Structures are given as structure tokens and as C-alpha cells.
Amino acid sequence: MILIEPGSVATPIWEKGTSAALALAESTDPAMRERYADLEAAMLAQTAATARGGIPPEAAADVIVGAIEARRPRARYLVGRDAKVAARVARVLPDRVMDALVARGLRRSGGSR
């Protein structure tokens, strides 16, 4: 078995996800949307930043083809700088600390709630 762990890949999924999230938000109760406006803005900003930093799809495909064609493939392939960094950090930090770092990152992106 081979596990491919991609980080962000520059594909249309980011725009599709953002469009779907905004459509869902439009159907949300206005009071609820107001309550989470800062978090929504932070998530949209984080998504845009992640999309901009994505590797080309061809780079991810090259790793996948290499894994499939390898005579003795590794069990795990990390694709992209962000995937490699996240895996290293996850090895040394407990889940609660990782969650706190994500929350802090969202607050810095504009989500204060």
C-alpha cells in the first residue's frame, strides 16, 4: 500500500470550495452569519493564501506516477512543502497544540472570535 499525502495543489478546487462556502453562507440566518463574520473572512483569506501557494498539478502527478512505477515504492509520499512541514510538526506536537496553532493562524488572518 502507498499513501500519497499532498499539500495544496493549484487546481480549481479552491475556487469551487470558496464558491460553495459563500453560497452556503448566503443561506445562513443573518444573525448567525454576523456572529461568525470574522471567522468567515479569516477562512476565506486562508483559503486564498493556500491556493496561491499550491504546487502545480503536474508536480503532484509526477510524484504519483513515480510512486506507481517505483520498483520498491515507499509507504508514504509527502507532496509539496506545506505537506512536509505539517508532517514534521505533527510528529512532535500533540493534536491540541496543533489545533491551537491553526486557531491562532485564523485569528491572525482576521478571525477574532
Protein backbone atom coordinates (compact mmCIF):
# COMPACT_ATOMS: atom_id res chain seq x y z
CA MET A 1 0.00 0.00 0.00
CA ILE A 2 1.17 3.51 -0.86
CA LEU A 3 -0.06 6.68 0.79
CA ILE A 4 0.18 9.95 -1.15
CA GLU A 5 -0.17 12.98 1.15
CA PRO A 6 -0.46 16.14 -0.93
CA GLY A 7 -0.35 19.62 0.45
CA SER A 8 -2.04 22.36 -1.52
CA VAL A 9 -2.18 21.81 -5.26
CA ALA A 10 -3.08 24.67 -7.60
CA THR A 11 -6.34 23.38 -9.05
CA PRO A 12 -9.84 24.83 -9.46
CA ILE A 13 -10.93 23.08 -6.24
CA TRP A 14 -10.03 26.20 -4.25
CA GLU A 15 -12.36 28.44 -6.26
CA LYS A 16 -15.10 25.78 -6.25
CA GLY A 17 -14.82 25.38 -2.48
CA THR A 18 -14.91 29.11 -1.90
CA SER A 19 -17.96 29.50 -4.16
CA ALA A 20 -19.75 26.66 -2.37
CA ALA A 21 -18.92 28.12 1.06
CA LEU A 22 -20.16 31.57 0.06
CA ALA A 23 -23.39 30.11 -1.37
CA LEU A 24 -23.96 28.20 1.86
CA ALA A 25 -23.23 31.32 3.91
CA GLU A 26 -25.80 33.28 1.88
CA SER A 27 -28.48 30.83 3.01
CA THR A 28 -27.48 31.12 6.66
CA ASP A 29 -29.51 33.08 9.22
CA PRO A 30 -28.25 36.70 9.13
CA ALA A 31 -27.65 36.78 12.91
CA MET A 32 -25.55 33.63 12.68
CA ARG A 33 -23.61 34.98 9.72
CA GLU A 34 -22.89 38.20 11.61
CA ARG A 35 -21.69 36.25 14.62
CA TYR A 36 -19.18 34.33 12.52
CA ALA A 37 -18.27 37.08 10.05
CA ASP A 38 -14.69 37.38 11.32
CA LEU A 39 -14.15 33.63 11.12
CA GLU A 40 -15.65 33.53 7.63
CA ALA A 41 -13.29 36.29 6.50
CA ALA A 42 -10.31 34.51 8.05
CA MET A 43 -11.20 31.20 6.39
CA LEU A 44 -11.60 32.89 3.01
CA ALA A 45 -8.25 34.66 3.41
CA GLN A 46 -6.53 31.44 4.50
CA THR A 47 -8.04 29.54 1.58
CA ALA A 48 -6.87 32.19 -0.89
CA ALA A 49 -3.35 32.11 0.57
CA THR A 50 -3.25 28.31 0.45
CA ALA A 51 -4.44 28.32 -3.16
CA ARG A 52 -1.74 30.81 -4.15
CA GLY A 53 0.93 28.62 -2.55
CA GLY A 54 -0.20 25.41 -4.22
CA ILE A 55 2.18 23.39 -6.31
CA PRO A 56 1.38 22.81 -9.99
CA PRO A 57 -0.82 19.74 -10.58
CA GLU A 58 1.91 18.32 -12.81
CA ALA A 59 4.32 18.25 -9.86
CA ALA A 60 1.85 16.23 -7.81
CA ALA A 61 1.17 13.94 -10.77
CA ASP A 62 4.91 13.32 -11.19
CA VAL A 63 5.14 12.10 -7.58
CA ILE A 64 2.13 9.83 -8.05
CA VAL A 65 3.49 8.35 -11.29
CA GLY A 66 6.89 7.88 -9.66
CA ALA A 67 5.32 6.04 -6.74
CA ILE A 68 3.29 3.79 -9.03
CA GLU A 69 6.25 2.98 -11.24
CA ALA A 70 8.79 2.51 -8.43
CA ARG A 71 10.18 -0.98 -8.13
CA ARG A 72 10.18 -0.65 -4.33
CA PRO A 73 7.89 2.24 -3.50
CA ARG A 74 7.99 3.97 -0.16
CA ALA A 75 4.95 3.59 2.04
CA ARG A 76 4.35 7.35 2.23
CA TYR A 77 4.94 10.24 -0.15
CA LEU A 78 4.59 13.81 1.05
CA VAL A 79 3.88 16.14 -1.86
CA GLY A 80 4.68 19.83 -1.55
CA ARG A 81 6.47 21.92 1.01
CA ASP A 82 3.38 22.53 3.14
CA ALA A 83 2.68 18.80 3.45
CA LYS A 84 6.27 18.15 4.52
CA VAL A 85 6.24 20.93 7.11
CA ALA A 86 2.87 19.83 8.52
CA ALA A 87 4.05 16.22 8.83
CA ARG A 88 7.21 17.23 10.68
CA VAL A 89 5.33 19.48 13.06
CA ALA A 90 2.64 16.84 13.67
CA ARG A 91 5.31 14.34 14.71
CA VAL A 92 6.45 16.49 17.61
CA LEU A 93 3.36 18.39 18.71
CA PRO A 94 0.22 16.95 20.32
CA ASP A 95 -3.09 17.37 18.47
CA ARG A 96 -4.31 20.02 20.92
CA VAL A 97 -1.25 22.15 20.27
CA MET A 98 -1.71 21.73 16.51
CA ASP A 99 -5.35 22.79 16.85
CA ALA A 100 -4.31 25.84 18.88
CA LEU A 101 -1.79 26.82 16.18
CA VAL A 102 -4.46 26.59 13.50
CA ALA A 103 -6.82 28.70 15.61
CA ARG A 104 -4.07 31.27 16.17
CA GLY A 105 -3.39 31.41 12.46
CA LEU A 106 -7.06 32.10 11.78
CA ARG A 107 -7.11 34.89 14.36
CA ARG A 108 -4.11 36.48 12.63
CA SER A 109 -5.93 36.20 9.30
CA GLY A 110 -8.81 38.23 10.69
CA GLY A 111 -10.96 35.80 12.64
CA SER A 112 -11.11 37.21 16.17
CA ARG A 113 -13.93 35.03 17.52
